[in-house]
Amino acid sequence: MQTIAEWLKQEGMEKGMEKGMKEGMEKGLAKGIIKGKEEGREELLWKLISKKFPQIPSRYYEKLKALTIDQLDTLGLDLMEMQSEEELKRHLLM
């Protein structure tokens, strides 16, 4: 037979675990969504770059994946006006 204190302790632990799991799942989902968006931008930009510069070496893709979200956005906007691979290299910090 459980004492009231033991029951309250167990109830508090269960609620705490439930709350912790819920918060953990929410944070994990949010991080997953952000990561998915970033990877989607990388993939789209790589397709656009490959179309604009068909002979582009694949090693550039690794550099692209190292960019921050802000750098990816800037690259995406500037890509439309780029005329040479040299301009792209500057964005990819090569």
PDB file of N, CA and C in Angstrom:
ATOM      1  N   MET A   1       0.836  -1.178   0.000  1.00  0.00           N
ATOM      2  CA  MET A   1       0.000   0.000   0.000  1.00  0.00           C
ATOM      3  C   MET A   1       0.879   1.238   0.000  1.00  0.00           C
ATOM      4  N   GLN A   2       0.536   2.186  -0.854  1.00  0.00           N
ATOM      5  CA  GLN A   2       1.284   3.416  -1.040  1.00  0.00           C
ATOM      6  C   GLN A   2       0.814   4.488  -0.077  1.00  0.00           C
ATOM      7  N   THR A   3       1.799   5.241   0.422  1.00  0.00           N
ATOM      8  CA  THR A   3       1.423   6.386   1.246  1.00  0.00           C
ATOM      9  C   THR A   3       1.026   7.533   0.311  1.00  0.00           C
ATOM     10  N   ILE A   4       0.380   8.525   0.879  1.00  0.00           N
ATOM     11  CA  ILE A   4      -0.015   9.685   0.092  1.00  0.00           C
ATOM     12  C   ILE A   4       1.223  10.369  -0.489  1.00  0.00           C
ATOM     13  N   ALA A   5       2.283  10.452   0.292  1.00  0.00           N
ATOM     14  CA  ALA A   5       3.517  11.097  -0.175  1.00  0.00           C
ATOM     15  C   ALA A   5       4.096  10.324  -1.355  1.00  0.00           C
ATOM     16  N   GLU A   6       4.111   8.994  -1.251  1.00  0.00           N
ATOM     17  CA  GLU A   6       4.644   8.171  -2.347  1.00  0.00           C
ATOM     18  C   GLU A   6       3.774   8.317  -3.595  1.00  0.00           C
ATOM     19  N   TRP A   7       2.497   8.332  -3.396  1.00  0.00           N
ATOM     20  CA  TRP A   7       1.571   8.473  -4.530  1.00  0.00           C
ATOM     21  C   TRP A   7       1.771   9.830  -5.208  1.00  0.00           C
ATOM     22  N   LEU A   8       1.871  10.909  -4.408  1.00  0.00           N
ATOM     23  CA  LEU A   8       2.088  12.241  -4.953  1.00  0.00           C
ATOM     24  C   LEU A   8       3.423  12.323  -5.691  1.00  0.00           C
ATOM     25  N   LYS A   9       4.426  11.685  -5.117  1.00  0.00           N
ATOM     26  CA  LYS A   9       5.745  11.669  -5.752  1.00  0.00           C
ATOM     27  C   LYS A   9       5.668  10.962  -7.104  1.00  0.00           C
ATOM     28  N   GLN A  10       5.020   9.817  -7.116  1.00  0.00           N
ATOM     29  CA  GLN A  10       4.887   9.057  -8.364  1.00  0.00           C
ATOM     30  C   GLN A  10       4.062   9.841  -9.391  1.00  0.00           C
ATOM     31  N   GLU A  11       2.997  10.440  -8.949  1.00  0.00           N
ATOM     32  CA  GLU A  11       2.148  11.241  -9.835  1.00  0.00           C
ATOM     33  C   GLU A  11       2.944  12.414 -10.415  1.00  0.00           C
ATOM     34  N   GLY A  12       3.722  13.074  -9.575  1.00  0.00           N
ATOM     35  CA  GLY A  12       4.554  14.193 -10.043  1.00  0.00           C
ATOM     36  C   GLY A  12       5.602  13.737 -11.050  1.00  0.00           C
ATOM     37  N   MET A  13       6.197  12.583 -10.793  1.00  0.00           N
ATOM     38  CA  MET A  13       7.202  12.055 -11.714  1.00  0.00           C
ATOM     39  C   MET A  13       6.573  11.714 -13.063  1.00  0.00           C
ATOM     40  N   GLU A  14       5.406  11.101 -13.032  1.00  0.00           N
ATOM     41  CA  GLU A  14       4.725  10.743 -14.278  1.00  0.00           C
ATOM     42  C   GLU A  14       4.355  11.991 -15.081  1.00  0.00           C
ATOM     43  N   LYS A  15       3.823  12.994 -14.406  1.00  0.00           N
ATOM     44  CA  LYS A  15       3.467  14.238 -15.091  1.00  0.00           C
ATOM     45  C   LYS A  15       4.707  14.950 -15.618  1.00  0.00           C
ATOM     46  N   GLY A  16       5.781  14.926 -14.840  1.00  0.00           N
ATOM     47  CA  GLY A  16       7.027  15.540 -15.261  1.00  0.00           C
ATOM     48  C   GLY A  16       7.602  14.838 -16.487  1.00  0.00           C
ATOM     49  N   MET A  17       7.559  13.516 -16.489  1.00  0.00           N
ATOM     50  CA  MET A  17       8.058  12.762 -17.632  1.00  0.00           C
ATOM     51  C   MET A  17       7.207  13.035 -18.863  1.00  0.00           C
ATOM     52  N   GLU A  18       5.901  13.064 -18.677  1.00  0.00           N
ATOM     53  CA  GLU A  18       4.986  13.330 -19.791  1.00  0.00           C
ATOM     54  C   GLU A  18       5.246  14.716 -20.378  1.00  0.00           C
ATOM     55  N   LYS A  19       5.401  15.706 -19.501  1.00  0.00           N
ATOM     56  CA  LYS A  19       5.667  17.067 -19.952  1.00  0.00           C
ATOM     57  C   LYS A  19       7.026  17.130 -20.657  1.00  0.00           C
ATOM     58  N   GLY A  20       8.021  16.479 -20.091  1.00  0.00           N
ATOM     59  CA  GLY A  20       9.353  16.468 -20.685  1.00  0.00           C
ATOM     60  C   GLY A  20       9.367  15.804 -22.056  1.00  0.00           C
ATOM     61  N   MET A  21       8.649  14.695 -22.176  1.00  0.00           N
ATOM     62  CA  MET A  21       8.584  14.015 -23.463  1.00  0.00           C
ATOM     63  C   MET A  21       7.876  14.884 -24.499  1.00  0.00           C
ATOM     64  N   LYS A  22       6.801  15.528 -24.091  1.00  0.00           N
ATOM     65  CA  LYS A  22       6.064  16.399 -25.012  1.00  0.00           C
ATOM     66  C   LYS A  22       6.939  17.553 -25.480  1.00  0.00           C
ATOM     67  N   GLU A  23       7.627  18.208 -24.544  1.00  0.00           N
ATOM     68  CA  GLU A  23       8.504  19.320 -24.906  1.00  0.00           C
ATOM     69  C   GLU A  23       9.650  18.838 -25.785  1.00  0.00           C
ATOM     70  N   GLY A  24      10.204  17.675 -25.463  1.00  0.00           N
ATOM     71  CA  GLY A  24      11.292  17.117 -26.262  1.00  0.00           C
ATOM     72  C   GLY A  24      10.845  16.810 -27.686  1.00  0.00           C
ATOM     73  N   MET A  25       9.658  16.256 -27.818  1.00  0.00           N
ATOM     74  CA  MET A  25       9.139  15.950 -29.148  1.00  0.00           C
ATOM     75  C   MET A  25       8.881  17.225 -29.939  1.00  0.00           C
ATOM     76  N   GLU A  26       8.328  18.249 -29.276  1.00  0.00           N
ATOM     77  CA  GLU A  26       8.074  19.516 -29.950  1.00  0.00           C
ATOM     78  C   GLU A  26       9.373  20.156 -30.430  1.00  0.00           C
ATOM     79  N   LYS A  27      10.394  20.151 -29.566  1.00  0.00           N
ATOM     80  CA  LYS A  27      11.688  20.717 -29.945  1.00  0.00           C
ATOM     81  C   LYS A  27      12.311  19.904 -31.077  1.00  0.00           C
ATOM     82  N   GLY A  28      12.219  18.592 -30.981  1.00  0.00           N
ATOM     83  CA  GLY A  28      12.766  17.737 -32.031  1.00  0.00           C
ATOM     84  C   GLY A  28      12.067  17.954 -33.359  1.00  0.00           C
ATOM     85  N   LEU A  29      10.774  18.094 -33.317  1.00  0.00           N
ATOM     86  CA  LEU A  29       9.999  18.344 -34.542  1.00  0.00           C
ATOM     87  C   LEU A  29      10.383  19.694 -35.145  1.00  0.00           C
ATOM     88  N   ALA A  30      10.498  20.708 -34.300  1.00  0.00           N
ATOM     89  CA  ALA A  30      10.875  22.042 -34.786  1.00  0.00           C
ATOM     90  C   ALA A  30      12.257  21.999 -35.435  1.00  0.00           C
ATOM     91  N   LYS A  31      13.210  21.326 -34.788  1.00  0.00           N
ATOM     92  CA  LYS A  31      14.553  21.202 -35.365  1.00  0.00           C
ATOM     93  C   LYS A  31      14.505  20.431 -36.673  1.00  0.00           C
ATOM     94  N   GLY A  32      13.690  19.397 -36.719  1.00  0.00           N
ATOM     95  CA  GLY A  32      13.562  18.608 -37.942  1.00  0.00           C
ATOM     96  C   GLY A  32      12.988  19.415 -39.093  1.00  0.00           C
ATOM     97  N   ILE A  33      12.022  20.240 -38.797  1.00  0.00           N
ATOM     98  CA  ILE A  33      11.419  21.095 -39.830  1.00  0.00           C
ATOM     99  C   ILE A  33      12.447  22.092 -40.350  1.00  0.00           C
ATOM    100  N   ILE A  34      13.180  22.710 -39.441  1.00  0.00           N
ATOM    101  CA  ILE A  34      14.212  23.672 -39.845  1.00  0.00           C
ATOM    102  C   ILE A  34      15.279  22.990 -40.690  1.00  0.00           C
ATOM    103  N   LYS A  35      15.736  21.830 -40.247  1.00  0.00           N
ATOM    104  CA  LYS A  35      16.757  21.086 -40.993  1.00  0.00           C
ATOM    105  C   LYS A  35      16.227  20.680 -42.366  1.00  0.00           C
ATOM    106  N   GLY A  36      14.988  20.255 -42.434  1.00  0.00           N
ATOM    107  CA  GLY A  36      14.385  19.877 -43.709  1.00  0.00           C
ATOM    108  C   GLY A  36      14.297  21.051 -44.671  1.00  0.00           C
ATOM    109  N   LYS A  37      13.932  22.206 -44.155  1.00  0.00           N
ATOM    110  CA  LYS A  37      13.863  23.407 -44.995  1.00  0.00           C
ATOM    111  C   LYS A  37      15.251  23.768 -45.518  1.00  0.00           C
ATOM    112  N   GLU A  38      16.234  23.679 -44.638  1.00  0.00           N
ATOM    113  CA  GLU A  38      17.608  24.003 -45.044  1.00  0.00           C
ATOM    114  C   GLU A  38      18.095  23.041 -46.126  1.00  0.00           C
ATOM    115  N   GLU A  39      17.843  21.763 -45.934  1.00  0.00           N
ATOM    116  CA  GLU A  39      18.258  20.775 -46.928  1.00  0.00           C
ATOM    117  C   GLU A  39      17.512  20.976 -48.245  1.00  0.00           C
ATOM    118  N   GLY A  40      16.253  21.364 -48.159  1.00  0.00           N
ATOM    119  CA  GLY A  40      15.476  21.653 -49.365  1.00  0.00           C
ATOM    120  C   GLY A  40      16.049  22.832 -50.132  1.00  0.00           C
ATOM    121  N   ARG A  41      16.469  23.860 -49.400  1.00  0.00           N
ATOM    122  CA  ARG A  41      17.093  25.021 -50.049  1.00  0.00           C
ATOM    123  C   ARG A  41      18.391  24.619 -50.724  1.00  0.00           C
ATOM    124  N   GLU A  42      19.188  23.806 -50.012  1.00  0.00           N
ATOM    125  CA  GLU A  42      20.463  23.347 -50.577  1.00  0.00           C
ATOM    126  C   GLU A  42      20.228  22.586 -51.878  1.00  0.00           C
ATOM    127  N   GLU A  43      19.272  21.670 -51.848  1.00  0.00           N
ATOM    128  CA  GLU A  43      18.980  20.861 -53.040  1.00  0.00           C
ATOM    129  C   GLU A  43      18.500  21.735 -54.204  1.00  0.00           C
ATOM    130  N   LEU A  44      17.592  22.650 -53.909  1.00  0.00           N
ATOM    131  CA  LEU A  44      17.069  23.525 -54.961  1.00  0.00           C
ATOM    132  C   LEU A  44      18.167  24.407 -55.538  1.00  0.00           C
ATOM    133  N   LEU A  45      18.969  24.998 -54.663  1.00  0.00           N
ATOM    134  CA  LEU A  45      20.055  25.843 -55.143  1.00  0.00           C
ATOM    135  C   LEU A  45      21.051  25.043 -55.976  1.00  0.00           C
ATOM    136  N   TRP A  46      21.341  23.812 -55.550  1.00  0.00           N
ATOM    137  CA  TRP A  46      22.265  22.985 -56.321  1.00  0.00           C
ATOM    138  C   TRP A  46      21.710  22.704 -57.721  1.00  0.00           C
ATOM    139  N   LYS A  47      20.422  22.450 -57.799  1.00  0.00           N
ATOM    140  CA  LYS A  47      19.805  22.221 -59.112  1.00  0.00           C
ATOM    141  C   LYS A  47      19.902  23.470 -59.981  1.00  0.00           C
ATOM    142  N   LEU A  48      19.648  24.626 -59.389  1.00  0.00           N
ATOM    143  CA  LEU A  48      19.730  25.871 -60.136  1.00  0.00           C
ATOM    144  C   LEU A  48      21.167  26.164 -60.583  1.00  0.00           C
ATOM    145  N   ILE A  49      22.102  25.928 -59.670  1.00  0.00           N
ATOM    146  CA  ILE A  49      23.516  26.136 -60.003  1.00  0.00           C
ATOM    147  C   ILE A  49      23.938  25.188 -61.129  1.00  0.00           C
ATOM    148  N   SER A  50      23.551  23.930 -61.016  1.00  0.00           N
ATOM    149  CA  SER A  50      23.910  22.933 -62.028  1.00  0.00           C
ATOM    150  C   SER A  50      23.315  23.283 -63.387  1.00  0.00           C
ATOM    151  N   LYS A  51      22.145  23.862 -63.375  1.00  0.00           N
ATOM    152  CA  LYS A  51      21.517  24.265 -64.642  1.00  0.00           C
ATOM    153  C   LYS A  51      22.235  25.476 -65.247  1.00  0.00           C
ATOM    154  N   LYS A  52      22.588  26.424 -64.398  1.00  0.00           N
ATOM    155  CA  LYS A  52      23.242  27.642 -64.874  1.00  0.00           C
ATOM    156  C   LYS A  52      24.693  27.371 -65.294  1.00  0.00           C
ATOM    157  N   PHE A  53      25.378  26.505 -64.530  1.00  0.00           N
ATOM    158  CA  PHE A  53      26.773  26.169 -64.807  1.00  0.00           C
ATOM    159  C   PHE A  53      26.887  24.645 -64.942  1.00  0.00           C
ATOM    160  N   PRO A  54      26.542  24.092 -66.087  1.00  0.00           N
ATOM    161  CA  PRO A  54      26.463  22.630 -66.269  1.00  0.00           C
ATOM    162  C   PRO A  54      27.765  21.867 -65.977  1.00  0.00           C
ATOM    163  N   GLN A  55      28.898  22.505 -66.120  1.00  0.00           N
ATOM    164  CA  GLN A  55      30.171  21.829 -65.906  1.00  0.00           C
ATOM    165  C   GLN A  55      30.701  21.976 -64.478  1.00  0.00           C
ATOM    166  N   ILE A  56      29.860  22.435 -63.579  1.00  0.00           N
ATOM    167  CA  ILE A  56      30.287  22.708 -62.200  1.00  0.00           C
ATOM    168  C   ILE A  56      30.717  21.409 -61.501  1.00  0.00           C
ATOM    169  N   PRO A  57      31.889  21.390 -60.862  1.00  0.00           N
ATOM    170  CA  PRO A  57      32.336  20.187 -60.150  1.00  0.00           C
ATOM    171  C   PRO A  57      31.453  19.895 -58.929  1.00  0.00           C
ATOM    172  N   SER A  58      31.280  18.646 -58.623  1.00  0.00           N
ATOM    173  CA  SER A  58      30.410  18.255 -57.502  1.00  0.00           C
ATOM    174  C   SER A  58      30.980  18.681 -56.155  1.00  0.00           C
ATOM    175  N   ARG A  59      32.280  18.969 -56.083  1.00  0.00           N
ATOM    176  CA  ARG A  59      32.856  19.413 -54.802  1.00  0.00           C
ATOM    177  C   ARG A  59      32.242  20.739 -54.340  1.00  0.00           C
ATOM    178  N   TYR A  60      31.686  21.489 -55.281  1.00  0.00           N
ATOM    179  CA  TYR A  60      31.018  22.731 -54.921  1.00  0.00           C
ATOM    180  C   TYR A  60      29.791  22.467 -54.046  1.00  0.00           C
ATOM    181  N   TYR A  61      29.190  21.298 -54.234  1.00  0.00           N
ATOM    182  CA  TYR A  61      27.999  20.964 -53.443  1.00  0.00           C
ATOM    183  C   TYR A  61      28.337  20.877 -51.959  1.00  0.00           C
ATOM    184  N   GLU A  62      29.517  20.330 -51.643  1.00  0.00           N
ATOM    185  CA  GLU A  62      29.933  20.246 -50.243  1.00  0.00           C
ATOM    186  C   GLU A  62      30.093  21.640 -49.638  1.00  0.00           C
ATOM    187  N   LYS A  63      30.611  22.547 -50.423  1.00  0.00           N
ATOM    188  CA  LYS A  63      30.747  23.938 -49.959  1.00  0.00           C
ATOM    189  C   LYS A  63      29.363  24.567 -49.758  1.00  0.00           C
ATOM    190  N   LEU A  64      28.457  24.269 -50.657  1.00  0.00           N
ATOM    191  CA  LEU A  64      27.092  24.773 -50.563  1.00  0.00           C
ATOM    192  C   LEU A  64      26.439  24.305 -49.257  1.00  0.00           C
ATOM    193  N   LYS A  65      26.646  23.038 -48.907  1.00  0.00           N
ATOM    194  CA  LYS A  65      26.033  22.489 -47.695  1.00  0.00           C
ATOM    195  C   LYS A  65      26.585  23.105 -46.415  1.00  0.00           C
ATOM    196  N   ALA A  66      27.750  23.732 -46.502  1.00  0.00           N
ATOM    197  CA  ALA A  66      28.361  24.347 -45.319  1.00  0.00           C
ATOM    198  C   ALA A  66      27.845  25.765 -45.062  1.00  0.00           C
ATOM    199  N   LEU A  67      27.078  26.314 -45.991  1.00  0.00           N
ATOM    200  CA  LEU A  67      26.582  27.682 -45.832  1.00  0.00           C
ATOM    201  C   LEU A  67      25.447  27.759 -44.816  1.00  0.00           C
ATOM    202  N   THR A  68      25.324  28.910 -44.185  1.00  0.00           N
ATOM    203  CA  THR A  68      24.217  29.152 -43.261  1.00  0.00           C
ATOM    204  C   THR A  68      22.956  29.458 -44.061  1.00  0.00           C
ATOM    205  N   ILE A  69      21.835  29.479 -43.385  1.00  0.00           N
ATOM    206  CA  ILE A  69      20.562  29.815 -44.033  1.00  0.00           C
ATOM    207  C   ILE A  69      20.651  31.189 -44.692  1.00  0.00           C
ATOM    208  N   ASP A  70      21.207  32.158 -43.991  1.00  0.00           N
ATOM    209  CA  ASP A  70      21.320  33.509 -44.553  1.00  0.00           C
ATOM    210  C   ASP A  70      22.207  33.513 -45.793  1.00  0.00           C
ATOM    211  N   GLN A  71      23.300  32.760 -45.750  1.00  0.00           N
ATOM    212  CA  GLN A  71      24.189  32.686 -46.911  1.00  0.00           C
ATOM    213  C   GLN A  71      23.497  31.994 -48.084  1.00  0.00           C
ATOM    214  N   LEU A  72      22.698  30.970 -47.787  1.00  0.00           N
ATOM    215  CA  LEU A  72      21.952  30.290 -48.843  1.00  0.00           C
ATOM    216  C   LEU A  72      20.951  31.243 -49.496  1.00  0.00           C
ATOM    217  N   ASP A  73      20.271  32.037 -48.674  1.00  0.00           N
ATOM    218  CA  ASP A  73      19.310  33.004 -49.202  1.00  0.00           C
ATOM    219  C   ASP A  73      20.002  34.034 -50.097  1.00  0.00           C
ATOM    220  N   THR A  74      21.131  34.541 -49.638  1.00  0.00           N
ATOM    221  CA  THR A  74      21.885  35.518 -50.420  1.00  0.00           C
ATOM    222  C   THR A  74      22.346  34.905 -51.743  1.00  0.00           C
ATOM    223  N   LEU A  75      22.866  33.689 -51.662  1.00  0.00           N
ATOM    224  CA  LEU A  75      23.308  33.004 -52.874  1.00  0.00           C
ATOM    225  C   LEU A  75      22.150  32.829 -53.848  1.00  0.00           C
ATOM    226  N   GLY A  76      21.008  32.429 -53.338  1.00  0.00           N
ATOM    227  CA  GLY A  76      19.840  32.233 -54.186  1.00  0.00           C
ATOM    228  C   GLY A  76      19.435  33.495 -54.922  1.00  0.00           C
ATOM    229  N   LEU A  77      19.476  34.609 -54.228  1.00  0.00           N
ATOM    230  CA  LEU A  77      19.116  35.887 -54.858  1.00  0.00           C
ATOM    231  C   LEU A  77      20.170  36.334 -55.867  1.00  0.00           C
ATOM    232  N   ASP A  78      21.427  36.158 -55.504  1.00  0.00           N
ATOM    233  CA  ASP A  78      22.512  36.605 -56.378  1.00  0.00           C
ATOM    234  C   ASP A  78      22.735  35.678 -57.570  1.00  0.00           C
ATOM    235  N   LEU A  79      22.328  34.443 -57.447  1.00  0.00           N
ATOM    236  CA  LEU A  79      22.550  33.459 -58.506  1.00  0.00           C
ATOM    237  C   LEU A  79      21.938  33.894 -59.836  1.00  0.00           C
ATOM    238  N   MET A  80      20.802  34.540 -59.763  1.00  0.00           N
ATOM    239  CA  MET A  80      20.118  34.967 -60.985  1.00  0.00           C
ATOM    240  C   MET A  80      20.974  35.910 -61.824  1.00  0.00           C
ATOM    241  N   GLU A  81      21.795  36.699 -61.164  1.00  0.00           N
ATOM    242  CA  GLU A  81      22.595  37.696 -61.868  1.00  0.00           C
ATOM    243  C   GLU A  81      24.016  37.229 -62.167  1.00  0.00           C
ATOM    244  N   MET A  82      24.411  36.097 -61.649  1.00  0.00           N
ATOM    245  CA  MET A  82      25.778  35.615 -61.857  1.00  0.00           C
ATOM    246  C   MET A  82      26.027  35.277 -63.315  1.00  0.00           C
ATOM    247  N   GLN A  83      27.225  35.636 -63.753  1.00  0.00           N
ATOM    248  CA  GLN A  83      27.611  35.381 -65.131  1.00  0.00           C
ATOM    249  C   GLN A  83      28.741  34.364 -65.241  1.00  0.00           C
ATOM    250  N   SER A  84      29.445  34.120 -64.128  1.00  0.00           N
ATOM    251  CA  SER A  84      30.600  33.226 -64.210  1.00  0.00           C
ATOM    252  C   SER A  84      30.725  32.352 -62.967  1.00  0.00           C
ATOM    253  N   GLU A  85      31.482  31.299 -63.149  1.00  0.00           N
ATOM    254  CA  GLU A  85      31.760  30.391 -62.040  1.00  0.00           C
ATOM    255  C   GLU A  85      32.576  31.107 -60.961  1.00  0.00           C
ATOM    256  N   GLU A  86      33.379  32.074 -61.351  1.00  0.00           N
ATOM    257  CA  GLU A  86      34.185  32.844 -60.395  1.00  0.00           C
ATOM    258  C   GLU A  86      33.285  33.571 -59.392  1.00  0.00           C
ATOM    259  N   GLU A  87      32.190  34.109 -59.866  1.00  0.00           N
ATOM    260  CA  GLU A  87      31.247  34.785 -58.968  1.00  0.00           C
ATOM    261  C   GLU A  87      30.660  33.782 -57.979  1.00  0.00           C
ATOM    262  N   LEU A  88      30.373  32.598 -58.457  1.00  0.00           N
ATOM    263  CA  LEU A  88      29.843  31.549 -57.581  1.00  0.00           C
ATOM    264  C   LEU A  88      30.877  31.158 -56.535  1.00  0.00           C
ATOM    265  N   LYS A  89      32.128  31.046 -56.928  1.00  0.00           N
ATOM    266  CA  LYS A  89      33.201  30.671 -55.991  1.00  0.00           C
ATOM    267  C   LYS A  89      33.264  31.641 -54.817  1.00  0.00           C
ATOM    268  N   ARG A  90      33.052  32.920 -55.078  1.00  0.00           N
ATOM    269  CA  ARG A  90      33.093  33.907 -54.005  1.00  0.00           C
ATOM    270  C   ARG A  90      32.003  33.631 -52.964  1.00  0.00           C
ATOM    271  N   HIS A  91      30.842  33.226 -53.400  1.00  0.00           N
ATOM    272  CA  HIS A  91      29.747  32.907 -52.479  1.00  0.00           C
ATOM    273  C   HIS A  91      30.018  31.625 -51.711  1.00  0.00           C
ATOM    274  N   LEU A  92      30.687  30.700 -52.339  1.00  0.00           N
ATOM    275  CA  LEU A  92      30.958  29.416 -51.697  1.00  0.00           C
ATOM    276  C   LEU A  92      32.250  29.416 -50.900  1.00  0.00           C
ATOM    277  N   LEU A  93      32.848  30.582 -50.803  1.00  0.00           N
ATOM    278  CA  LEU A  93      34.071  30.763 -50.003  1.00  0.00           C
ATOM    279  C   LEU A  93      35.178  29.817 -50.442  1.00  0.00           C
ATOM    280  N   MET A  94      35.374  29.751 -51.740  1.00  0.00           N
ATOM    281  CA  MET A  94      36.400  28.859 -52.303  1.00  0.00           C
ATOM    282  C   MET A  94      37.636  29.652 -52.662  1.00  0.00           C
TER     283      MET A  94
END
